[in-house]
């Protein structure tokens, strides 16, 4: 899943982005409110982590404009001032969750998982497709009860496919979801990752089908 972190404290942003990447998220980082719109236009983000005290444009105004455009991406607000009035105002403007600074990274990760499940109309942390299982809490895949060893890019591609199992995912959508701002996106590389995943899924009841001109579909055999 690709996340957008909006945080003006560069030391905190660097630590958060590194920690979330270690948890197999793809993370883009911007440091002021005016860059958010450009960031969203450049990537397919599943969730935004938004600080309120931002230069040039405050986080509350960012949130207000985001919702006014009809963008329903989940937003977790980070703030050093989590007063009741502030929380109510932020929720009324369209925030999905609030987390007061300082916070524990484990709590932020748990809140991210909850919002991503809600965004995908899921309540249970386990996603299954045949004998392929993805635990959204541990962010690990298993196949036939055995942990599946994946590179970060393979993990990102398979996560997109399993979350949308039974639905077609375009190559462009996969590319937009797995490459951050600092990486030159290579849509043709998706074919390589899919090929590797097919090798790792051999012998299972799960397959990645290619729908020519449309994209890829993760499905299982009965």
N, C-alpha and C. Protein backbone atom coordinates (compact mmCIF):
# COMPACT_ATOMS: atom_id res chain seq x y z
N UNK A 1 0.84 -1.19 0.00
CA UNK A 1 0.00 0.00 0.00
C UNK A 1 0.88 1.25 0.00
N UNK A 2 0.46 2.24 -0.77
CA UNK A 2 1.22 3.48 -0.88
C UNK A 2 0.60 4.55 0.02
N UNK A 3 1.39 5.11 0.91
CA UNK A 3 0.93 6.11 1.86
C UNK A 3 1.56 7.45 1.54
N UNK A 4 0.86 8.52 1.91
CA UNK A 4 1.40 9.87 1.80
C UNK A 4 1.55 10.43 3.21
N UNK A 5 2.77 10.77 3.59
CA UNK A 5 3.07 11.36 4.89
C UNK A 5 3.31 12.85 4.70
N UNK A 6 2.50 13.67 5.38
CA UNK A 6 2.62 15.13 5.30
C UNK A 6 3.06 15.62 6.68
N UNK A 7 4.33 15.94 6.81
CA UNK A 7 4.90 16.29 8.12
C UNK A 7 6.06 17.26 7.92
N UNK A 8 5.98 18.42 8.58
CA UNK A 8 7.02 19.44 8.38
C UNK A 8 8.26 19.20 9.22
N UNK A 9 8.14 18.42 10.29
CA UNK A 9 9.30 18.07 11.10
C UNK A 9 10.09 17.00 10.34
N UNK A 10 11.18 17.41 9.73
CA UNK A 10 11.90 16.50 8.83
C UNK A 10 12.51 15.31 9.56
N UNK A 11 12.95 15.51 10.78
CA UNK A 11 13.51 14.40 11.55
C UNK A 11 12.43 13.36 11.84
N UNK A 12 11.25 13.81 12.26
CA UNK A 12 10.14 12.90 12.52
C UNK A 12 9.68 12.24 11.22
N UNK A 13 9.59 13.02 10.15
CA UNK A 13 9.16 12.47 8.87
C UNK A 13 10.12 11.39 8.38
N UNK A 14 11.41 11.62 8.55
CA UNK A 14 12.40 10.64 8.12
C UNK A 14 12.27 9.35 8.92
N UNK A 15 12.11 9.47 10.23
CA UNK A 15 11.97 8.28 11.08
C UNK A 15 10.69 7.52 10.77
N UNK A 16 9.59 8.25 10.63
CA UNK A 16 8.31 7.61 10.34
C UNK A 16 8.33 6.89 8.99
N UNK A 17 8.85 7.56 7.98
CA UNK A 17 8.86 6.96 6.64
C UNK A 17 9.72 5.70 6.61
N UNK A 18 10.87 5.74 7.27
CA UNK A 18 11.74 4.56 7.31
C UNK A 18 11.05 3.41 8.03
N UNK A 19 10.40 3.72 9.15
CA UNK A 19 9.73 2.68 9.94
C UNK A 19 8.58 2.05 9.16
N UNK A 20 7.80 2.87 8.48
CA UNK A 20 6.67 2.35 7.72
C UNK A 20 7.14 1.57 6.49
N UNK A 21 8.23 1.97 5.90
CA UNK A 21 8.78 1.20 4.77
C UNK A 21 9.26 -0.17 5.23
N UNK A 22 9.80 -0.24 6.45
CA UNK A 22 10.22 -1.52 6.99
C UNK A 22 9.03 -2.45 7.20
N UNK A 23 7.83 -1.84 7.34
CA UNK A 23 6.60 -2.62 7.49
C UNK A 23 5.96 -2.92 6.14
N UNK A 24 6.71 -2.73 5.07
CA UNK A 24 6.30 -3.06 3.69
C UNK A 24 5.30 -2.08 3.10
N UNK A 25 5.24 -0.86 3.62
CA UNK A 25 4.46 0.18 2.97
C UNK A 25 5.37 0.96 2.01
N UNK A 26 4.77 1.50 0.96
CA UNK A 26 5.45 2.45 0.09
C UNK A 26 5.06 3.83 0.59
N UNK A 27 6.05 4.68 0.88
CA UNK A 27 5.76 5.95 1.55
C UNK A 27 6.34 7.13 0.76
N UNK A 28 5.47 8.09 0.44
CA UNK A 28 5.90 9.38 -0.10
C UNK A 28 5.83 10.40 1.02
N UNK A 29 6.75 11.37 0.99
CA UNK A 29 6.81 12.37 2.05
C UNK A 29 6.81 13.77 1.44
N UNK A 30 5.95 14.64 1.96
CA UNK A 30 6.01 16.07 1.64
C UNK A 30 6.00 16.83 2.96
N UNK A 31 6.52 18.06 2.93
CA UNK A 31 6.75 18.80 4.17
C UNK A 31 5.89 20.05 4.33
N UNK A 32 5.04 20.36 3.37
CA UNK A 32 4.14 21.49 3.55
C UNK A 32 2.82 21.24 2.84
N UNK A 33 1.80 22.00 3.24
CA UNK A 33 0.45 21.75 2.76
C UNK A 33 0.26 21.97 1.28
N UNK A 34 0.96 22.92 0.71
CA UNK A 34 0.75 23.24 -0.69
C UNK A 34 1.25 22.15 -1.63
N UNK A 35 2.11 21.26 -1.13
CA UNK A 35 2.62 20.18 -1.97
C UNK A 35 1.72 18.94 -1.99
N UNK A 36 0.70 18.95 -1.14
CA UNK A 36 -0.15 17.76 -1.03
C UNK A 36 -0.89 17.48 -2.33
N UNK A 37 -1.47 18.52 -2.92
CA UNK A 37 -2.25 18.32 -4.14
C UNK A 37 -1.39 17.75 -5.26
N UNK A 38 -0.16 18.27 -5.40
CA UNK A 38 0.74 17.77 -6.44
C UNK A 38 1.11 16.31 -6.15
N UNK A 39 1.31 15.98 -4.87
CA UNK A 39 1.66 14.62 -4.49
C UNK A 39 0.54 13.65 -4.82
N UNK A 40 -0.68 14.04 -4.53
CA UNK A 40 -1.82 13.16 -4.80
C UNK A 40 -2.02 12.95 -6.30
N UNK A 41 -1.72 13.99 -7.08
CA UNK A 41 -1.86 13.87 -8.53
C UNK A 41 -0.79 12.95 -9.12
N UNK A 42 0.33 12.80 -8.40
CA UNK A 42 1.44 12.01 -8.93
C UNK A 42 1.42 10.56 -8.49
N UNK A 43 0.51 10.20 -7.58
CA UNK A 43 0.51 8.82 -7.08
C UNK A 43 -0.86 8.37 -6.63
N UNK A 44 -1.02 7.07 -6.53
CA UNK A 44 -2.28 6.46 -6.09
C UNK A 44 -2.12 6.07 -4.63
N UNK A 45 -2.48 6.98 -3.72
CA UNK A 45 -2.25 6.76 -2.30
C UNK A 45 -3.48 6.15 -1.63
N UNK A 46 -3.22 5.16 -0.79
CA UNK A 46 -4.31 4.47 -0.08
C UNK A 46 -4.69 5.19 1.20
N UNK A 47 -3.79 6.04 1.72
CA UNK A 47 -4.05 6.72 3.00
C UNK A 47 -3.10 7.89 3.15
N UNK A 48 -3.56 8.92 3.86
CA UNK A 48 -2.73 10.09 4.15
C UNK A 48 -2.54 10.21 5.65
N UNK A 49 -1.30 10.43 6.07
CA UNK A 49 -0.98 10.77 7.46
C UNK A 49 -0.67 12.26 7.46
N UNK A 50 -1.49 13.05 8.13
CA UNK A 50 -1.46 14.50 7.95
C UNK A 50 -1.20 15.24 9.25
N UNK A 51 -0.08 15.95 9.31
CA UNK A 51 0.18 16.86 10.42
C UNK A 51 -0.65 18.13 10.22
N UNK A 52 -1.06 18.77 11.32
CA UNK A 52 -1.87 19.99 11.18
C UNK A 52 -1.03 21.25 11.10
N UNK A 53 0.10 21.28 11.81
CA UNK A 53 0.94 22.48 11.85
C UNK A 53 1.92 22.47 10.69
N UNK A 54 1.44 22.90 9.51
CA UNK A 54 2.25 22.86 8.30
C UNK A 54 2.51 24.27 7.79
N UNK A 55 3.67 24.49 7.15
CA UNK A 55 3.93 25.79 6.53
C UNK A 55 3.13 25.96 5.24
N UNK A 56 2.93 27.19 4.85
CA UNK A 56 2.27 27.62 3.61
C UNK A 56 0.78 27.32 3.60
N UNK A 57 0.37 26.12 3.98
CA UNK A 57 -1.05 25.80 4.10
C UNK A 57 -1.24 24.81 5.23
N UNK A 58 -2.04 25.17 6.21
CA UNK A 58 -2.24 24.34 7.38
C UNK A 58 -2.95 23.04 7.04
N UNK A 59 -2.76 22.05 7.90
CA UNK A 59 -3.35 20.74 7.66
C UNK A 59 -4.87 20.76 7.61
N UNK A 60 -5.50 21.61 8.40
CA UNK A 60 -6.96 21.67 8.39
C UNK A 60 -7.47 22.18 7.04
N UNK A 61 -6.78 23.15 6.47
CA UNK A 61 -7.17 23.65 5.16
C UNK A 61 -6.92 22.60 4.08
N UNK A 62 -5.82 21.86 4.21
CA UNK A 62 -5.54 20.76 3.28
C UNK A 62 -6.69 19.76 3.31
N UNK A 63 -7.11 19.40 4.50
CA UNK A 63 -8.19 18.43 4.67
C UNK A 63 -9.50 18.96 4.09
N UNK A 64 -9.79 20.22 4.36
CA UNK A 64 -11.02 20.83 3.87
C UNK A 64 -11.06 20.82 2.34
N UNK A 65 -9.96 21.19 1.71
CA UNK A 65 -9.90 21.22 0.24
C UNK A 65 -9.97 19.81 -0.35
N UNK A 66 -9.34 18.88 0.34
CA UNK A 66 -9.36 17.49 -0.12
C UNK A 66 -10.78 16.97 -0.20
N UNK A 67 -11.55 17.17 0.85
CA UNK A 67 -12.92 16.68 0.89
C UNK A 67 -13.83 17.48 -0.04
N UNK A 68 -13.54 18.76 -0.21
CA UNK A 68 -14.36 19.57 -1.12
C UNK A 68 -14.23 19.09 -2.56
N UNK A 69 -13.08 18.47 -2.90
CA UNK A 69 -12.89 17.92 -4.24
C UNK A 69 -13.49 16.53 -4.38
N UNK A 70 -14.06 16.01 -3.31
CA UNK A 70 -14.66 14.69 -3.35
C UNK A 70 -13.68 13.55 -3.16
N UNK A 71 -12.47 13.86 -2.72
CA UNK A 71 -11.46 12.83 -2.49
C UNK A 71 -11.73 12.17 -1.14
N UNK A 72 -12.01 10.87 -1.16
CA UNK A 72 -12.40 10.15 0.06
C UNK A 72 -11.26 9.34 0.67
N UNK A 73 -10.02 9.58 0.25
CA UNK A 73 -8.89 8.82 0.78
C UNK A 73 -8.87 8.95 2.31
N UNK A 74 -8.65 7.85 3.04
CA UNK A 74 -8.60 7.94 4.51
C UNK A 74 -7.48 8.87 4.98
N UNK A 75 -7.78 9.65 6.01
CA UNK A 75 -6.81 10.60 6.55
C UNK A 75 -6.69 10.40 8.05
N UNK A 76 -5.46 10.15 8.50
CA UNK A 76 -5.16 10.11 9.93
C UNK A 76 -4.42 11.40 10.27
N UNK A 77 -4.98 12.17 11.18
CA UNK A 77 -4.39 13.45 11.56
C UNK A 77 -3.43 13.26 12.72
N UNK A 78 -2.24 13.83 12.61
CA UNK A 78 -1.27 13.88 13.70
C UNK A 78 -1.24 15.31 14.23
N UNK A 79 -1.31 15.47 15.53
CA UNK A 79 -1.30 16.82 16.07
C UNK A 79 -0.73 16.82 17.48
N UNK A 80 -0.05 17.90 17.81
CA UNK A 80 0.46 18.08 19.17
C UNK A 80 -0.60 18.69 20.07
N UNK A 81 -1.70 19.15 19.48
CA UNK A 81 -2.78 19.79 20.24
C UNK A 81 -4.08 19.06 19.95
N UNK A 82 -4.30 17.96 20.66
CA UNK A 82 -5.49 17.14 20.40
C UNK A 82 -6.63 17.51 21.35
N UNK A 83 -6.96 18.79 21.40
CA UNK A 83 -8.07 19.24 22.25
C UNK A 83 -9.38 18.71 21.69
N UNK A 84 -10.41 18.68 22.54
CA UNK A 84 -11.72 18.20 22.10
C UNK A 84 -12.24 19.04 20.95
N UNK A 85 -12.14 20.36 21.06
CA UNK A 85 -12.63 21.24 19.99
C UNK A 85 -11.89 20.98 18.69
N UNK A 86 -10.57 20.79 18.80
CA UNK A 86 -9.77 20.53 17.60
C UNK A 86 -10.14 19.21 16.95
N UNK A 87 -10.36 18.18 17.77
CA UNK A 87 -10.73 16.87 17.22
C UNK A 87 -12.09 16.92 16.55
N UNK A 88 -13.03 17.60 17.19
CA UNK A 88 -14.37 17.71 16.61
C UNK A 88 -14.31 18.45 15.28
N UNK A 89 -13.56 19.54 15.24
CA UNK A 89 -13.44 20.31 14.00
C UNK A 89 -12.81 19.48 12.90
N UNK A 90 -11.75 18.76 13.24
CA UNK A 90 -11.08 17.94 12.24
C UNK A 90 -11.97 16.82 11.72
N UNK A 91 -12.70 16.17 12.62
CA UNK A 91 -13.61 15.11 12.20
C UNK A 91 -14.74 15.67 11.34
N UNK A 92 -15.20 16.84 11.69
CA UNK A 92 -16.25 17.48 10.88
C UNK A 92 -15.74 17.87 9.49
N UNK A 93 -14.47 18.16 9.38
CA UNK A 93 -13.89 18.51 8.08
C UNK A 93 -13.57 17.28 7.25
N UNK A 94 -13.65 16.08 7.86
CA UNK A 94 -13.45 14.86 7.08
C UNK A 94 -12.32 13.97 7.51
N UNK A 95 -11.68 14.26 8.64
CA UNK A 95 -10.63 13.36 9.13
C UNK A 95 -11.26 12.03 9.53
N UNK A 96 -10.52 10.95 9.33
CA UNK A 96 -11.02 9.62 9.71
C UNK A 96 -10.54 9.19 11.08
N UNK A 97 -9.41 9.76 11.52
CA UNK A 97 -8.87 9.37 12.82
C UNK A 97 -7.91 10.46 13.29
N UNK A 98 -7.67 10.49 14.59
CA UNK A 98 -6.77 11.46 15.21
C UNK A 98 -5.75 10.72 16.06
N UNK A 99 -4.51 11.20 16.06
CA UNK A 99 -3.49 10.64 16.93
C UNK A 99 -2.65 11.80 17.47
N UNK A 100 -2.58 11.88 18.81
CA UNK A 100 -1.86 12.98 19.45
C UNK A 100 -0.37 12.67 19.54
N UNK A 101 0.43 13.68 19.30
CA UNK A 101 1.88 13.57 19.50
C UNK A 101 2.19 13.84 20.97
N UNK A 102 3.17 13.15 21.56
CA UNK A 102 3.93 12.02 20.99
C UNK A 102 3.09 10.75 20.99
N UNK A 103 3.44 9.82 20.12
CA UNK A 103 2.68 8.58 20.00
C UNK A 103 3.64 7.42 19.82
N UNK A 104 3.12 6.23 20.02
CA UNK A 104 3.89 5.01 19.79
C UNK A 104 3.65 4.55 18.36
N UNK A 105 4.71 4.14 17.68
CA UNK A 105 4.58 3.73 16.28
C UNK A 105 3.63 2.55 16.13
N UNK A 106 3.58 1.67 17.15
CA UNK A 106 2.68 0.53 17.09
C UNK A 106 1.23 0.97 17.01
N UNK A 107 0.89 2.05 17.71
CA UNK A 107 -0.49 2.54 17.66
C UNK A 107 -0.79 3.14 16.29
N UNK A 108 0.14 3.90 15.74
CA UNK A 108 -0.08 4.47 14.41
C UNK A 108 -0.26 3.36 13.39
N UNK A 109 0.58 2.33 13.43
CA UNK A 109 0.45 1.23 12.48
C UNK A 109 -0.90 0.53 12.63
N UNK A 110 -1.35 0.36 13.86
CA UNK A 110 -2.65 -0.28 14.08
C UNK A 110 -3.78 0.57 13.50
N UNK A 111 -3.69 1.88 13.67
CA UNK A 111 -4.72 2.77 13.14
C UNK A 111 -4.69 2.79 11.60
N UNK A 112 -3.50 2.70 11.04
CA UNK A 112 -3.38 2.61 9.58
C UNK A 112 -4.08 1.35 9.08
N UNK A 113 -3.83 0.24 9.74
CA UNK A 113 -4.44 -1.03 9.32
C UNK A 113 -5.97 -0.96 9.38
N UNK A 114 -6.48 -0.35 10.45
CA UNK A 114 -7.94 -0.23 10.59
C UNK A 114 -8.52 0.59 9.45
N UNK A 115 -7.90 1.72 9.14
CA UNK A 115 -8.43 2.58 8.08
C UNK A 115 -8.33 1.92 6.71
N UNK A 116 -7.27 1.18 6.47
CA UNK A 116 -7.14 0.49 5.18
C UNK A 116 -8.16 -0.62 5.05
N UNK A 117 -8.45 -1.31 6.14
CA UNK A 117 -9.50 -2.34 6.09
C UNK A 117 -10.85 -1.71 5.80
N UNK A 118 -11.14 -0.61 6.47
CA UNK A 118 -12.42 0.06 6.24
C UNK A 118 -12.52 0.54 4.79
N UNK A 119 -11.43 1.08 4.27
CA UNK A 119 -11.45 1.60 2.90
C UNK A 119 -11.70 0.50 1.89
N UNK A 120 -11.33 -0.73 2.25
CA UNK A 120 -11.54 -1.86 1.34
C UNK A 120 -12.73 -2.72 1.76
N UNK A 121 -13.62 -2.12 2.58
CA UNK A 121 -14.85 -2.81 3.02
C UNK A 121 -14.56 -4.13 3.70
N UNK A 122 -13.54 -4.13 4.55
CA UNK A 122 -13.19 -5.34 5.28
C UNK A 122 -13.17 -5.03 6.78
N UNK A 123 -13.52 -6.00 7.58
CA UNK A 123 -13.44 -5.86 9.03
C UNK A 123 -12.41 -6.80 9.63
N UNK A 124 -12.28 -8.00 9.06
CA UNK A 124 -11.32 -8.98 9.57
C UNK A 124 -9.91 -8.66 9.08
N UNK A 125 -8.90 -8.93 9.90
CA UNK A 125 -7.52 -8.64 9.49
C UNK A 125 -6.94 -9.64 8.49
N UNK A 126 -7.62 -10.77 8.29
CA UNK A 126 -7.10 -11.81 7.41
C UNK A 126 -7.80 -11.75 6.05
N UNK A 127 -7.00 -11.73 4.98
CA UNK A 127 -7.53 -11.79 3.62
C UNK A 127 -7.06 -13.10 2.99
N UNK A 128 -7.99 -13.87 2.48
CA UNK A 128 -7.64 -15.17 1.90
C UNK A 128 -8.09 -15.26 0.45
N UNK A 129 -7.27 -15.94 -0.33
CA UNK A 129 -7.63 -16.27 -1.70
C UNK A 129 -7.10 -17.67 -1.94
N UNK A 130 -8.00 -18.68 -1.91
CA UNK A 130 -7.53 -20.05 -1.97
C UNK A 130 -6.66 -20.36 -0.77
N UNK A 131 -5.47 -20.92 -1.02
CA UNK A 131 -4.57 -21.22 0.09
C UNK A 131 -3.54 -20.12 0.33
N UNK A 132 -3.77 -18.95 -0.30
CA UNK A 132 -2.94 -17.78 -0.05
C UNK A 132 -3.61 -16.93 1.02
N UNK A 133 -2.86 -16.59 2.06
CA UNK A 133 -3.41 -15.81 3.18
C UNK A 133 -2.53 -14.59 3.42
N UNK A 134 -3.17 -13.43 3.57
CA UNK A 134 -2.45 -12.20 3.91
C UNK A 134 -2.97 -11.70 5.25
N UNK A 135 -2.08 -11.63 6.24
CA UNK A 135 -2.42 -11.12 7.56
C UNK A 135 -2.10 -9.63 7.58
N UNK A 136 -3.10 -8.78 7.60
CA UNK A 136 -2.86 -7.34 7.54
C UNK A 136 -2.25 -6.80 8.83
N UNK A 137 -2.32 -7.57 9.91
CA UNK A 137 -1.68 -7.13 11.16
C UNK A 137 -0.17 -7.33 11.10
N UNK A 138 0.25 -8.53 10.71
CA UNK A 138 1.69 -8.80 10.62
C UNK A 138 2.27 -8.39 9.28
N UNK A 139 1.37 -8.18 8.29
CA UNK A 139 1.74 -7.84 6.92
C UNK A 139 2.58 -8.95 6.28
N UNK A 140 2.27 -10.20 6.66
CA UNK A 140 2.95 -11.35 6.10
C UNK A 140 1.98 -12.17 5.24
N UNK A 141 2.53 -12.73 4.18
CA UNK A 141 1.79 -13.68 3.34
C UNK A 141 2.18 -15.09 3.71
N UNK A 142 1.20 -15.99 3.64
CA UNK A 142 1.52 -17.41 3.79
C UNK A 142 0.80 -18.17 2.69
N UNK A 143 1.40 -19.27 2.28
CA UNK A 143 0.84 -20.10 1.22
C UNK A 143 0.84 -21.54 1.72
N UNK A 144 -0.36 -22.11 1.84
CA UNK A 144 -0.46 -23.46 2.37
C UNK A 144 0.09 -23.58 3.77
N UNK A 145 -0.03 -22.51 4.55
CA UNK A 145 0.43 -22.53 5.94
C UNK A 145 1.88 -22.17 6.13
N UNK A 146 2.62 -21.96 5.04
CA UNK A 146 4.04 -21.61 5.11
C UNK A 146 4.23 -20.15 4.72
N UNK A 147 5.09 -19.44 5.48
CA UNK A 147 5.36 -18.04 5.17
C UNK A 147 5.96 -17.91 3.78
N UNK A 148 5.44 -16.98 3.03
CA UNK A 148 5.89 -16.76 1.66
C UNK A 148 6.96 -15.68 1.65
N UNK A 149 8.13 -16.02 1.15
CA UNK A 149 9.25 -15.09 1.10
C UNK A 149 9.13 -14.21 -0.14
N UNK A 150 9.05 -12.89 0.07
CA UNK A 150 8.84 -11.95 -1.02
C UNK A 150 9.79 -10.76 -0.90
N UNK A 151 10.22 -10.23 -2.03
CA UNK A 151 10.95 -8.97 -2.02
C UNK A 151 9.94 -7.84 -1.76
N UNK A 152 10.40 -6.65 -1.38
CA UNK A 152 9.47 -5.55 -1.12
C UNK A 152 8.55 -5.26 -2.31
N UNK A 153 9.08 -5.28 -3.53
CA UNK A 153 8.24 -4.99 -4.70
C UNK A 153 7.26 -6.13 -4.98
N UNK A 154 7.70 -7.36 -4.82
CA UNK A 154 6.80 -8.49 -4.99
C UNK A 154 5.67 -8.41 -3.97
N UNK A 155 6.02 -8.06 -2.74
CA UNK A 155 5.03 -7.91 -1.69
C UNK A 155 4.01 -6.84 -2.06
N UNK A 156 4.49 -5.70 -2.56
CA UNK A 156 3.60 -4.60 -2.91
C UNK A 156 2.63 -4.99 -4.03
N UNK A 157 3.14 -5.70 -5.03
CA UNK A 157 2.28 -6.13 -6.14
C UNK A 157 1.25 -7.14 -5.66
N UNK A 158 1.70 -8.13 -4.89
CA UNK A 158 0.78 -9.17 -4.43
C UNK A 158 -0.26 -8.59 -3.47
N UNK A 159 0.13 -7.63 -2.67
CA UNK A 159 -0.84 -7.00 -1.76
C UNK A 159 -1.95 -6.31 -2.55
N UNK A 160 -1.57 -5.58 -3.58
CA UNK A 160 -2.59 -4.93 -4.41
C UNK A 160 -3.54 -5.96 -5.03
N UNK A 161 -2.99 -7.07 -5.47
CA UNK A 161 -3.80 -8.09 -6.12
C UNK A 161 -4.70 -8.82 -5.14
N UNK A 162 -4.20 -9.12 -3.94
CA UNK A 162 -5.00 -9.88 -2.99
C UNK A 162 -6.10 -9.02 -2.38
N UNK A 163 -5.82 -7.75 -2.16
CA UNK A 163 -6.85 -6.85 -1.64
C UNK A 163 -8.00 -6.72 -2.63
N UNK A 164 -7.67 -6.81 -3.91
CA UNK A 164 -8.69 -6.70 -4.96
C UNK A 164 -8.91 -8.03 -5.67
N UNK A 165 -8.74 -9.12 -4.93
CA UNK A 165 -8.89 -10.46 -5.50
C UNK A 165 -10.24 -10.61 -6.18
N UNK A 166 -10.21 -11.18 -7.39
CA UNK A 166 -11.44 -11.34 -8.16
C UNK A 166 -11.77 -10.15 -9.03
N UNK A 167 -10.95 -9.08 -8.91
CA UNK A 167 -11.14 -7.89 -9.73
C UNK A 167 -9.87 -7.61 -10.53
N UNK A 168 -10.04 -7.01 -11.69
CA UNK A 168 -8.89 -6.71 -12.53
C UNK A 168 -8.15 -5.48 -12.02
N UNK A 169 -6.84 -5.60 -11.96
CA UNK A 169 -5.99 -4.48 -11.56
C UNK A 169 -5.08 -4.15 -12.74
N UNK A 170 -5.14 -2.93 -13.21
CA UNK A 170 -4.35 -2.55 -14.38
C UNK A 170 -2.87 -2.46 -14.03
N UNK A 171 -2.04 -2.59 -15.06
CA UNK A 171 -0.60 -2.45 -14.87
C UNK A 171 -0.25 -1.05 -14.37
N UNK A 172 -0.98 -0.05 -14.87
CA UNK A 172 -0.74 1.33 -14.43
C UNK A 172 -1.07 1.50 -12.96
N UNK A 173 -2.16 0.86 -12.50
CA UNK A 173 -2.54 0.96 -11.10
C UNK A 173 -1.51 0.29 -10.20
N UNK A 174 -0.99 -0.85 -10.64
CA UNK A 174 0.06 -1.52 -9.87
C UNK A 174 1.31 -0.66 -9.79
N UNK A 175 1.67 -0.08 -10.91
CA UNK A 175 2.86 0.77 -10.95
C UNK A 175 2.70 1.98 -10.03
N UNK A 176 1.53 2.62 -10.08
CA UNK A 176 1.28 3.81 -9.25
C UNK A 176 1.29 3.47 -7.77
N UNK A 177 0.96 2.23 -7.44
CA UNK A 177 0.84 1.84 -6.03
C UNK A 177 2.16 1.41 -5.41
N UNK A 178 3.15 1.05 -6.23
CA UNK A 178 4.37 0.47 -5.65
C UNK A 178 5.61 1.35 -5.81
N UNK A 179 5.54 2.41 -6.61
CA UNK A 179 6.71 3.27 -6.78
C UNK A 179 6.52 4.59 -6.04
N UNK A 180 7.48 4.96 -5.20
CA UNK A 180 7.39 6.25 -4.53
C UNK A 180 8.02 7.33 -5.39
N UNK A 181 8.02 8.57 -4.86
CA UNK A 181 8.50 9.71 -5.64
C UNK A 181 9.98 9.58 -6.01
N UNK A 182 10.74 8.88 -5.19
CA UNK A 182 12.19 8.82 -5.40
C UNK A 182 12.60 7.71 -6.36
N UNK A 183 11.63 7.00 -6.90
CA UNK A 183 11.93 5.88 -7.80
C UNK A 183 11.35 6.14 -9.18
N UNK A 184 12.16 5.94 -10.19
CA UNK A 184 11.67 6.07 -11.56
C UNK A 184 10.76 4.89 -11.88
N UNK A 185 9.49 5.17 -12.08
CA UNK A 185 8.53 4.10 -12.34
C UNK A 185 8.80 3.45 -13.69
N UNK A 186 8.80 2.14 -13.70
CA UNK A 186 9.01 1.37 -14.92
C UNK A 186 7.86 0.38 -15.05
N UNK A 187 6.78 0.78 -15.76
CA UNK A 187 5.61 -0.10 -15.87
C UNK A 187 5.94 -1.49 -16.40
N UNK A 188 6.96 -1.58 -17.26
CA UNK A 188 7.31 -2.89 -17.82
C UNK A 188 7.85 -3.84 -16.76
N UNK A 189 8.38 -3.27 -15.65
CA UNK A 189 8.92 -4.11 -14.58
C UNK A 189 7.82 -4.88 -13.88
N UNK A 190 6.57 -4.40 -13.96
CA UNK A 190 5.46 -5.12 -13.35
C UNK A 190 5.38 -6.54 -13.90
N UNK A 191 5.65 -6.70 -15.19
CA UNK A 191 5.61 -8.03 -15.80
C UNK A 191 6.63 -8.96 -15.14
N UNK A 192 7.78 -8.41 -14.78
CA UNK A 192 8.82 -9.21 -14.12
C UNK A 192 8.35 -9.65 -12.74
N UNK A 193 7.77 -8.71 -11.98
CA UNK A 193 7.30 -9.04 -10.64
C UNK A 193 6.18 -10.07 -10.69
N UNK A 194 5.29 -9.93 -11.65
CA UNK A 194 4.20 -10.89 -11.79
C UNK A 194 4.74 -12.27 -12.15
N UNK A 195 5.73 -12.29 -13.03
CA UNK A 195 6.36 -13.57 -13.42
C UNK A 195 6.97 -14.25 -12.19
N UNK A 196 7.67 -13.48 -11.36
CA UNK A 196 8.29 -14.05 -10.15
C UNK A 196 7.22 -14.56 -9.19
N UNK A 197 6.15 -13.81 -9.05
CA UNK A 197 5.07 -14.23 -8.15
C UNK A 197 4.42 -15.51 -8.63
N UNK A 198 4.23 -15.63 -9.94
CA UNK A 198 3.65 -16.86 -10.48
C UNK A 198 4.51 -18.07 -10.14
N UNK A 199 5.83 -17.89 -10.19
CA UNK A 199 6.74 -18.97 -9.85
C UNK A 199 6.55 -19.38 -8.39
N UNK A 200 6.38 -18.38 -7.53
CA UNK A 200 6.25 -18.65 -6.10
C UNK A 200 4.88 -19.22 -5.74
N UNK A 201 3.91 -19.02 -6.62
CA UNK A 201 2.56 -19.54 -6.37
C UNK A 201 2.33 -20.89 -7.06
N UNK A 202 3.34 -21.39 -7.76
CA UNK A 202 3.19 -22.67 -8.47
C UNK A 202 2.85 -23.79 -7.49
N UNK A 203 1.93 -24.65 -7.91
CA UNK A 203 1.52 -25.77 -7.07
C UNK A 203 0.42 -25.43 -6.08
N UNK A 204 0.02 -24.16 -6.04
CA UNK A 204 -1.04 -23.75 -5.13
C UNK A 204 -2.37 -23.66 -5.89
N UNK A 205 -3.42 -23.29 -5.17
CA UNK A 205 -4.73 -23.12 -5.79
C UNK A 205 -4.99 -21.68 -6.20
N UNK A 206 -3.91 -20.91 -6.31
CA UNK A 206 -4.01 -19.49 -6.64
C UNK A 206 -3.24 -19.21 -7.91
N UNK A 207 -3.79 -18.37 -8.74
CA UNK A 207 -3.07 -17.99 -9.95
C UNK A 207 -3.32 -16.52 -10.28
N UNK A 208 -2.34 -15.94 -10.97
CA UNK A 208 -2.46 -14.56 -11.45
C UNK A 208 -2.73 -14.65 -12.95
N UNK A 209 -3.93 -14.28 -13.33
CA UNK A 209 -4.32 -14.33 -14.74
C UNK A 209 -4.03 -12.99 -15.41
N UNK A 210 -3.58 -13.05 -16.65
CA UNK A 210 -3.38 -11.85 -17.45
C UNK A 210 -4.59 -11.63 -18.34
N UNK A 211 -5.19 -10.47 -18.23
CA UNK A 211 -6.30 -10.09 -19.10
C UNK A 211 -5.74 -9.08 -20.09
N UNK A 212 -5.49 -9.54 -21.29
CA UNK A 212 -4.77 -8.74 -22.28
C UNK A 212 -5.44 -7.37 -22.48
N UNK A 213 -4.62 -6.35 -22.34
CA UNK A 213 -5.10 -4.98 -22.52
C UNK A 213 -5.80 -4.41 -21.31
N UNK A 214 -6.02 -5.24 -20.27
CA UNK A 214 -6.74 -4.77 -19.08
C UNK A 214 -5.87 -4.79 -17.83
N UNK A 215 -5.16 -5.89 -17.62
CA UNK A 215 -4.32 -5.98 -16.43
C UNK A 215 -4.24 -7.39 -15.90
N UNK A 216 -4.23 -7.51 -14.57
CA UNK A 216 -4.04 -8.79 -13.92
C UNK A 216 -5.17 -9.06 -12.93
N UNK A 217 -5.42 -10.36 -12.73
CA UNK A 217 -6.50 -10.79 -11.86
C UNK A 217 -6.01 -11.94 -10.98
N UNK A 218 -6.12 -11.77 -9.67
CA UNK A 218 -5.78 -12.86 -8.75
C UNK A 218 -7.05 -13.68 -8.50
N UNK A 219 -6.96 -14.99 -8.72
CA UNK A 219 -8.13 -15.84 -8.53
C UNK A 219 -7.68 -17.19 -8.00
N UNK A 220 -8.63 -17.94 -7.47
CA UNK A 220 -8.29 -19.26 -6.93
C UNK A 220 -9.16 -20.33 -7.56
N UNK A 221 -8.64 -21.53 -7.56
CA UNK A 221 -9.38 -22.67 -8.08
C UNK A 221 -10.20 -23.28 -6.96
N UNK A 222 -11.41 -23.69 -7.26
CA UNK A 222 -12.28 -24.33 -6.25
C UNK A 222 -11.77 -25.73 -5.92
